[in-house]
PDB file of N, CA and C in Angstrom:
ATOM      1  N   UNK A   1     152.179 103.656  32.736  1.00  0.00           N
ATOM      2  CA  UNK A   1     152.113 103.665  31.375  1.00  0.00           C
ATOM      3  C   UNK A   1     151.701 102.155  31.115  1.00  0.00           C
ATOM      4  N   UNK A   2     151.190 102.051  29.736  1.00  0.00           N
ATOM      5  CA  UNK A   2     150.688 100.749  29.446  1.00  0.00           C
ATOM      6  C   UNK A   2     151.483 100.087  28.315  1.00  0.00           C
ATOM      7  N   UNK A   3     152.822 100.079  28.534  1.00  0.00           N
ATOM      8  CA  UNK A   3     153.647  99.292  27.467  1.00  0.00           C
ATOM      9  C   UNK A   3     153.667  98.002  27.501  1.00  0.00           C
ATOM     10  N   UNK A   4     153.705  97.282  26.428  1.00  0.00           N
ATOM     11  CA  UNK A   4     154.056  95.708  26.454  1.00  0.00           C
ATOM     12  C   UNK A   4     155.449  95.586  26.503  1.00  0.00           C
ATOM     13  N   UNK A   5     155.862  94.612  27.288  1.00  0.00           N
ATOM     14  CA  UNK A   5     157.388  94.524  27.412  1.00  0.00           C
ATOM     15  C   UNK A   5     157.964  93.908  25.971  1.00  0.00           C
ATOM     16  N   UNK A   6     159.136  94.385  25.790  1.00  0.00           N
ATOM     17  CA  UNK A   6     159.711  93.887  24.390  1.00  0.00           C
ATOM     18  C   UNK A   6     160.301  92.428  24.898  1.00  0.00           C
ATOM     19  N   UNK A   7     160.166  91.696  23.622  1.00  0.00           N
ATOM     20  CA  UNK A   7     160.957  90.409  23.844  1.00  0.00           C
ATOM     21  C   UNK A   7     162.505  90.683  23.391  1.00  0.00           C
ATOM     22  N   UNK A   8     163.193  90.299  24.406  1.00  0.00           N
ATOM     23  CA  UNK A   8     164.744  90.404  24.084  1.00  0.00           C
ATOM     24  C   UNK A   8     165.380  89.067  23.813  1.00  0.00           C
ATOM     25  N   UNK A   9     166.089  88.809  22.818  1.00  0.00           N
ATOM     26  CA  UNK A   9     166.747  87.584  22.416  1.00  0.00           C
ATOM     27  C   UNK A   9     168.121  87.893  22.891  1.00  0.00           C
ATOM     28  N   UNK A  10     168.625  86.973  23.718  1.00  0.00           N
ATOM     29  CA  UNK A  10     169.963  86.991  24.068  1.00  0.00           C
ATOM     30  C   UNK A  10     170.723  85.879  23.508  1.00  0.00           C
ATOM     31  N   UNK A  11     171.635  86.193  22.619  1.00  0.00           N
ATOM     32  CA  UNK A  11     172.481  85.344  21.885  1.00  0.00           C
ATOM     33  C   UNK A  11     173.944  85.402  22.596  1.00  0.00           C
ATOM     34  N   UNK A  12     174.462  84.470  23.192  1.00  0.00           N
ATOM     35  CA  UNK A  12     175.669  84.726  23.961  1.00  0.00           C
ATOM     36  C   UNK A  12     176.980  84.285  23.134  1.00  0.00           C
ATOM     37  N   UNK A  13     177.927  84.956  23.355  1.00  0.00           N
ATOM     38  CA  UNK A  13     179.251  84.686  22.807  1.00  0.00           C
ATOM     39  C   UNK A  13     180.071  84.298  24.120  1.00  0.00           C
ATOM     40  N   UNK A  14     180.809  83.316  24.018  1.00  0.00           N
ATOM     41  CA  UNK A  14     181.847  82.926  25.119  1.00  0.00           C
ATOM     42  C   UNK A  14     183.316  83.320  24.646  1.00  0.00           C
ATOM     43  N   UNK A  15     183.928  84.154  25.236  1.00  0.00           N
ATOM     44  CA  UNK A  15     185.217  84.537  24.709  1.00  0.00           C
ATOM     45  C   UNK A  15     186.271  83.971  25.979  1.00  0.00           C
ATOM     46  N   UNK A  16     187.359  83.646  25.420  1.00  0.00           N
ATOM     47  CA  UNK A  16     188.298  83.016  26.404  1.00  0.00           C
ATOM     48  C   UNK A  16     189.567  83.891  26.205  1.00  0.00           C
ATOM     49  N   UNK A  17     189.969  84.230  27.414  1.00  0.00           N
ATOM     50  CA  UNK A  17     191.186  85.054  27.592  1.00  0.00           C
ATOM     51  C   UNK A  17     192.513  84.184  26.988  1.00  0.00           C
ATOM     52  N   UNK A  18     193.263  84.670  26.142  1.00  0.00           N
ATOM     53  CA  UNK A  18     194.483  83.838  25.588  1.00  0.00           C
ATOM     54  C   UNK A  18     195.671  84.483  25.486  1.00  0.00           C
ATOM     55  N   UNK A  19     196.761  83.845  25.634  1.00  0.00           N
ATOM     56  CA  UNK A  19     198.207  84.513  25.645  1.00  0.00           C
ATOM     57  C   UNK A  19     198.425  84.852  24.140  1.00  0.00           C
ATOM     58  N   UNK A  20     198.715  86.180  23.909  1.00  0.00           N
ATOM     59  CA  UNK A  20     199.024  86.609  22.616  1.00  0.00           C
ATOM     60  C   UNK A  20     200.289  87.280  22.743  1.00  0.00           C
ATOM     61  N   UNK A  21     201.509  86.645  22.387  1.00  0.00           N
ATOM     62  CA  UNK A  21     202.801  87.292  22.529  1.00  0.00           C
ATOM     63  C   UNK A  21     203.096  87.191  24.048  1.00  0.00           C
ATOM     64  N   UNK A  22     203.383  88.480  24.343  1.00  0.00           N
ATOM     65  CA  UNK A  22     203.658  88.688  25.940  1.00  0.00           C
ATOM     66  C   UNK A  22     202.492  89.203  26.656  1.00  0.00           C
ATOM     67  N   UNK A  23     201.440  89.376  25.897  1.00  0.00           N
ATOM     68  CA  UNK A  23     200.207  89.892  26.602  1.00  0.00           C
ATOM     69  C   UNK A  23     199.051  88.765  26.515  1.00  0.00           C
ATOM     70  N   UNK A  24     197.922  89.176  27.086  1.00  0.00           N
ATOM     71  CA  UNK A  24     196.730  88.338  27.025  1.00  0.00           C
ATOM     72  C   UNK A  24     195.685  89.028  26.256  1.00  0.00           C
ATOM     73  N   UNK A  25     194.734  88.633  25.612  1.00  0.00           N
ATOM     74  CA  UNK A  25     193.829  89.252  24.827  1.00  0.00           C
ATOM     75  C   UNK A  25     192.414  88.333  24.564  1.00  0.00           C
ATOM     76  N   UNK A  26     191.480  88.922  24.022  1.00  0.00           N
ATOM     77  CA  UNK A  26     190.371  88.337  23.522  1.00  0.00           C
ATOM     78  C   UNK A  26     190.308  88.219  22.133  1.00  0.00           C
ATOM     79  N   UNK A  27     189.862  87.003  21.608  1.00  0.00           N
ATOM     80  CA  UNK A  27     189.572  86.900  20.055  1.00  0.00           C
ATOM     81  C   UNK A  27     188.024  87.155  19.759  1.00  0.00           C
ATOM     82  N   UNK A  28     187.646  88.148  19.119  1.00  0.00           N
ATOM     83  CA  UNK A  28     186.220  88.349  18.774  1.00  0.00           C
ATOM     84  C   UNK A  28     185.803  87.676  17.581  1.00  0.00           C
ATOM     85  N   UNK A  29     184.761  86.887  17.600  1.00  0.00           N
ATOM     86  CA  UNK A  29     184.176  86.199  16.466  1.00  0.00           C
ATOM     87  C   UNK A  29     183.898  87.218  15.392  1.00  0.00           C
ATOM     88  N   UNK A  30     183.848  86.781  14.118  1.00  0.00           N
ATOM     89  CA  UNK A  30     183.364  87.670  13.117  1.00  0.00           C
ATOM     90  C   UNK A  30     182.118  88.122  13.127  1.00  0.00           C
ATOM     91  N   UNK A  31     181.158  87.168  13.540  1.00  0.00           N
ATOM     92  CA  UNK A  31     179.744  87.638  13.708  1.00  0.00           C
ATOM     93  C   UNK A  31     179.575  88.644  14.721  1.00  0.00           C
ATOM     94  N   UNK A  32     180.408  88.667  15.835  1.00  0.00           N
ATOM     95  CA  UNK A  32     180.375  89.695  16.852  1.00  0.00           C
ATOM     96  C   UNK A  32     180.908  90.992  16.196  1.00  0.00           C
ATOM     97  N   UNK A  33     181.903  91.013  15.653  1.00  0.00           N
ATOM     98  CA  UNK A  33     182.456  92.161  14.960  1.00  0.00           C
ATOM     99  C   UNK A  33     181.469  92.784  13.933  1.00  0.00           C
ATOM    100  N   UNK A  34     180.869  91.952  13.193  1.00  0.00           N
ATOM    101  CA  UNK A  34     179.767  92.471  12.194  1.00  0.00           C
ATOM    102  C   UNK A  34     178.758  93.141  12.972  1.00  0.00           C
ATOM    103  N   UNK A  35     178.258  92.383  14.038  1.00  0.00           N
ATOM    104  CA  UNK A  35     177.146  92.984  14.684  1.00  0.00           C
ATOM    105  C   UNK A  35     177.347  94.271  15.353  1.00  0.00           C
ATOM    106  N   UNK A  36     178.625  94.400  15.949  1.00  0.00           N
ATOM    107  CA  UNK A  36     178.942  95.552  16.597  1.00  0.00           C
ATOM    108  C   UNK A  36     179.674  96.597  15.553  1.00  0.00           C
ATOM    109  N   UNK A  37     179.678  96.379  14.434  1.00  0.00           N
ATOM    110  CA  UNK A  37     180.238  97.297  13.207  1.00  0.00           C
ATOM    111  C   UNK A  37     181.659  97.574  13.676  1.00  0.00           C
ATOM    112  N   UNK A  38     182.469  96.768  14.093  1.00  0.00           N
ATOM    113  CA  UNK A  38     183.856  96.928  14.342  1.00  0.00           C
ATOM    114  C   UNK A  38     184.846  96.247  13.484  1.00  0.00           C
ATOM    115  N   UNK A  39     185.899  96.808  13.276  1.00  0.00           N
ATOM    116  CA  UNK A  39     186.906  96.357  12.246  1.00  0.00           C
ATOM    117  C   UNK A  39     188.320  96.467  12.880  1.00  0.00           C
ATOM    118  N   UNK A  40     189.249  95.859  12.399  1.00  0.00           N
ATOM    119  CA  UNK A  40     190.666  95.592  12.746  1.00  0.00           C
ATOM    120  C   UNK A  40     191.056  97.194  13.056  1.00  0.00           C
ATOM    121  N   UNK A  41     191.714  97.367  14.292  1.00  0.00           N
ATOM    122  CA  UNK A  41     192.243  98.728  14.788  1.00  0.00           C
ATOM    123  C   UNK A  41     191.158  99.625  15.508  1.00  0.00           C
ATOM    124  N   UNK A  42     189.834  99.217  15.473  1.00  0.00           N
ATOM    125  CA  UNK A  42     188.923 100.063  16.191  1.00  0.00           C
ATOM    126  C   UNK A  42     189.188 100.005  17.714  1.00  0.00           C
ATOM    127  N   UNK A  43     188.869 100.970  18.419  1.00  0.00           N
ATOM    128  CA  UNK A  43     188.926 100.977  19.895  1.00  0.00           C
ATOM    129  C   UNK A  43     187.613 100.670  20.413  1.00  0.00           C
ATOM    130  N   UNK A  44     187.732  99.951  21.699  1.00  0.00           N
ATOM    131  CA  UNK A  44     186.592  99.543  22.627  1.00  0.00           C
ATOM    132  C   UNK A  44     186.919 100.174  23.788  1.00  0.00           C
ATOM    133  N   UNK A  45     186.009 100.825  24.338  1.00  0.00           N
ATOM    134  CA  UNK A  45     186.034 101.424  25.730  1.00  0.00           C
ATOM    135  C   UNK A  45     185.478 100.376  26.861  1.00  0.00           C
ATOM    136  N   UNK A  46     185.962 100.418  27.882  1.00  0.00           N
ATOM    137  CA  UNK A  46     185.443  99.488  28.849  1.00  0.00           C
ATOM    138  C   UNK A  46     185.068 100.253  30.077  1.00  0.00           C
ATOM    139  N   UNK A  47     183.851  99.961  30.672  1.00  0.00           N
ATOM    140  CA  UNK A  47     183.142 100.781  31.699  1.00  0.00           C
ATOM    141  C   UNK A  47     182.656  99.547  32.742  1.00  0.00           C
ATOM    142  N   UNK A  48     183.196  99.977  33.887  1.00  0.00           N
ATOM    143  CA  UNK A  48     182.653  98.809  35.162  1.00  0.00           C
ATOM    144  C   UNK A  48     181.177  99.358  35.567  1.00  0.00           C
ATOM    145  N   UNK A  49     180.360  98.523  35.485  1.00  0.00           N
ATOM    146  CA  UNK A  49     178.825  98.811  35.938  1.00  0.00           C
ATOM    147  C   UNK A  49     178.934  98.648  37.473  1.00  0.00           C
ATOM    148  N   UNK A  50     177.760  99.269  37.977  1.00  0.00           N
ATOM    149  CA  UNK A  50     177.707  99.166  39.614  1.00  0.00           C
ATOM    150  C   UNK A  50     177.311  97.720  40.206  1.00  0.00           C
ATOM    151  N   UNK A  51     176.922  96.911  38.961  1.00  0.00           N
ATOM    152  CA  UNK A  51     176.849  95.440  39.583  1.00  0.00           C
ATOM    153  C   UNK A  51     178.145  94.588  39.341  1.00  0.00           C
ATOM    154  N   UNK A  52     179.152  95.360  39.094  1.00  0.00           N
ATOM    155  CA  UNK A  52     180.636  94.687  38.734  1.00  0.00           C
ATOM    156  C   UNK A  52     180.627  94.038  37.364  1.00  0.00           C
ATOM    157  N   UNK A  53     179.592  94.032  36.419  1.00  0.00           N
ATOM    158  CA  UNK A  53     179.984  93.630  35.235  1.00  0.00           C
ATOM    159  C   UNK A  53     180.593  94.563  34.372  1.00  0.00           C
ATOM    160  N   UNK A  54     181.244  94.256  33.160  1.00  0.00           N
ATOM    161  CA  UNK A  54     182.019  95.180  32.310  1.00  0.00           C
ATOM    162  C   UNK A  54     181.083  95.568  31.084  1.00  0.00           C
ATOM    163  N   UNK A  55     181.130  96.676  30.591  1.00  0.00           N
ATOM    164  CA  UNK A  55     180.469  97.138  29.407  1.00  0.00           C
ATOM    165  C   UNK A  55     181.490  97.656  28.415  1.00  0.00           C
ATOM    166  N   UNK A  56     181.499  97.006  27.239  1.00  0.00           N
ATOM    167  CA  UNK A  56     182.236  97.323  26.158  1.00  0.00           C
ATOM    168  C   UNK A  56     181.447  98.073  25.065  1.00  0.00           C
ATOM    169  N   UNK A  57     182.023  99.455  24.635  1.00  0.00           N
ATOM    170  CA  UNK A  57     181.300 100.123  23.773  1.00  0.00           C
ATOM    171  C   UNK A  57     182.405 100.814  22.738  1.00  0.00           C
ATOM    172  N   UNK A  58     181.983 100.908  21.514  1.00  0.00           N
ATOM    173  CA  UNK A  58     183.038 101.688  20.675  1.00  0.00           C
ATOM    174  C   UNK A  58     183.056 103.207  20.824  1.00  0.00           C
ATOM    175  N   UNK A  59     181.989 103.722  21.660  1.00  0.00           N
ATOM    176  CA  UNK A  59     181.826 105.107  21.919  1.00  0.00           C
ATOM    177  C   UNK A  59     182.620 105.430  23.250  1.00  0.00           C
ATOM    178  N   UNK A  60     183.475 106.534  23.144  1.00  0.00           N
ATOM    179  CA  UNK A  60     184.121 107.114  24.186  1.00  0.00           C
ATOM    180  C   UNK A  60     183.131 107.583  25.219  1.00  0.00           C
ATOM    181  N   UNK A  61     182.996 107.157  26.380  1.00  0.00           N
ATOM    182  CA  UNK A  61     181.947 107.721  27.423  1.00  0.00           C
ATOM    183  C   UNK A  61     182.284 109.155  27.792  1.00  0.00           C
ATOM    184  N   UNK A  62     183.694 109.511  27.690  1.00  0.00           N
ATOM    185  CA  UNK A  62     183.941 110.941  27.985  1.00  0.00           C
ATOM    186  C   UNK A  62     183.591 111.862  27.003  1.00  0.00           C
ATOM    187  N   UNK A  63     183.430 111.405  25.834  1.00  0.00           N
ATOM    188  CA  UNK A  63     183.018 112.211  24.811  1.00  0.00           C
ATOM    189  C   UNK A  63     181.784 113.092  25.011  1.00  0.00           C
ATOM    190  N   UNK A  64     180.657 112.260  25.442  1.00  0.00           N
ATOM    191  CA  UNK A  64     179.427 112.815  25.776  1.00  0.00           C
ATOM    192  C   UNK A  64     179.543 114.005  27.010  1.00  0.00           C
ATOM    193  N   UNK A  65     180.362 113.811  27.970  1.00  0.00           N
ATOM    194  CA  UNK A  65     180.586 114.786  28.946  1.00  0.00           C
ATOM    195  C   UNK A  65     181.196 115.972  28.339  1.00  0.00           C
ATOM    196  N   UNK A  66     182.229 115.818  27.542  1.00  0.00           N
ATOM    197  CA  UNK A  66     182.793 117.013  26.755  1.00  0.00           C
ATOM    198  C   UNK A  66     181.879 117.842  26.063  1.00  0.00           C
ATOM    199  N   UNK A  67     180.993 117.186  25.294  1.00  0.00           N
ATOM    200  CA  UNK A  67     180.099 117.765  24.320  1.00  0.00           C
ATOM    201  C   UNK A  67     178.943 118.511  25.264  1.00  0.00           C
ATOM    202  N   UNK A  68     178.644 117.770  26.404  1.00  0.00           N
ATOM    203  CA  UNK A  68     177.615 118.658  27.139  1.00  0.00           C
ATOM    204  C   UNK A  68     178.301 119.908  27.855  1.00  0.00           C
ATOM    205  N   UNK A  69     179.526 119.759  28.039  1.00  0.00           N
ATOM    206  CA  UNK A  69     180.334 121.078  28.713  1.00  0.00           C
ATOM    207  C   UNK A  69     180.309 122.151  27.501  1.00  0.00           C
ATOM    208  N   UNK A  70     180.726 121.625  26.401  1.00  0.00           N
ATOM    209  CA  UNK A  70     180.749 122.651  25.209  1.00  0.00           C
ATOM    210  C   UNK A  70     179.445 123.306  24.814  1.00  0.00           C
ATOM    211  N   UNK A  71     178.440 122.462  25.008  1.00  0.00           N
ATOM    212  CA  UNK A  71     176.982 123.064  24.765  1.00  0.00           C
ATOM    213  C   UNK A  71     176.593 124.069  25.826  1.00  0.00           C
ATOM    214  N   UNK A  72     177.140 123.892  27.008  1.00  0.00           N
ATOM    215  CA  UNK A  72     176.848 124.713  28.115  1.00  0.00           C
ATOM    216  C   UNK A  72     177.634 126.176  27.790  1.00  0.00           C
ATOM    217  N   UNK A  73     178.780 126.079  27.288  1.00  0.00           N
ATOM    218  CA  UNK A  73     179.820 127.053  26.991  1.00  0.00           C
ATOM    219  C   UNK A  73     179.233 128.133  25.781  1.00  0.00           C
ATOM    220  N   UNK A  74     178.728 127.215  24.945  1.00  0.00           N
ATOM    221  CA  UNK A  74     178.120 127.820  23.648  1.00  0.00           C
ATOM    222  C   UNK A  74     176.758 128.684  24.051  1.00  0.00           C
ATOM    223  N   UNK A  75     176.039 128.213  24.824  1.00  0.00           N
ATOM    224  CA  UNK A  75     174.931 128.871  25.255  1.00  0.00           C
ATOM    225  C   UNK A  75     175.119 130.009  26.149  1.00  0.00           C
ATOM    226  N   UNK A  76     176.101 129.881  26.901  1.00  0.00           N
ATOM    227  CA  UNK A  76     176.650 131.070  27.741  1.00  0.00           C
ATOM    228  C   UNK A  76     177.241 132.273  26.908  1.00  0.00           C
ATOM    229  N   UNK A  77     177.949 131.947  26.095  1.00  0.00           N
ATOM    230  CA  UNK A  77     178.717 132.851  25.372  1.00  0.00           C
ATOM    231  C   UNK A  77     178.209 132.976  23.982  1.00  0.00           C
ATOM    232  N   UNK A  78     176.921 132.715  23.644  1.00  0.00           N
ATOM    233  CA  UNK A  78     176.343 132.752  22.336  1.00  0.00           C
ATOM    234  C   UNK A  78     176.659 134.189  21.675  1.00  0.00           C
ATOM    235  N   UNK A  79     176.394 135.203  22.398  1.00  0.00           N
ATOM    236  CA  UNK A  79     176.455 136.535  21.925  1.00  0.00           C
ATOM    237  C   UNK A  79     177.964 136.735  21.241  1.00  0.00           C
ATOM    238  N   UNK A  80     178.852 136.517  22.375  1.00  0.00           N
ATOM    239  CA  UNK A  80     180.341 136.676  21.993  1.00  0.00           C
ATOM    240  C   UNK A  80     180.678 135.875  20.774  1.00  0.00           C
ATOM    241  N   UNK A  81     180.254 134.626  20.620  1.00  0.00           N
ATOM    242  CA  UNK A  81     180.622 133.825  19.620  1.00  0.00           C
ATOM    243  C   UNK A  81     180.120 134.273  18.245  1.00  0.00           C
ATOM    244  N   UNK A  82     178.921 134.823  18.413  1.00  0.00           N
ATOM    245  CA  UNK A  82     178.263 135.379  17.159  1.00  0.00           C
ATOM    246  C   UNK A  82     178.960 136.558  16.634  1.00  0.00           C
ATOM    247  N   UNK A  83     179.483 137.354  17.705  1.00  0.00           N
ATOM    248  CA  UNK A  83     180.236 138.669  17.090  1.00  0.00           C
ATOM    249  C   UNK A  83     181.620 138.109  16.671  1.00  0.00           C
ATOM    250  N   UNK A  84     182.350 137.045  17.167  1.00  0.00           N
ATOM    251  CA  UNK A  84     183.470 136.520  16.653  1.00  0.00           C
ATOM    252  C   UNK A  84     183.435 136.056  15.318  1.00  0.00           C
ATOM    253  N   UNK A  85     182.186 135.390  15.050  1.00  0.00           N
ATOM    254  CA  UNK A  85     181.936 134.765  13.711  1.00  0.00           C
ATOM    255  C   UNK A  85     181.857 135.811  12.638  1.00  0.00           C
ATOM    256  N   UNK A  86     181.687 136.985  12.859  1.00  0.00           N
ATOM    257  CA  UNK A  86     181.284 137.969  11.730  1.00  0.00           C
ATOM    258  C   UNK A  86     182.674 138.262  11.063  1.00  0.00           C
TER     259      UNK A  86
END
């Protein structure tokens, strides 16, 4: 294919692990929270990538697997579900 590469701007945030009470944590800057559309109390899921890096996401990676399983079940039992819906 003849695609032109997209220019990717990398704007880095350096986070420092800090002691918070009896635990340790990261303080996220307001700008990063706004860009990620995160608010106080939101959950972040951590996935370790094959290269050893960490990937933070507000979306549960297991949710997609569960939805794929549900879609397979819906296709397989479509007729029975249609009868139950009557």
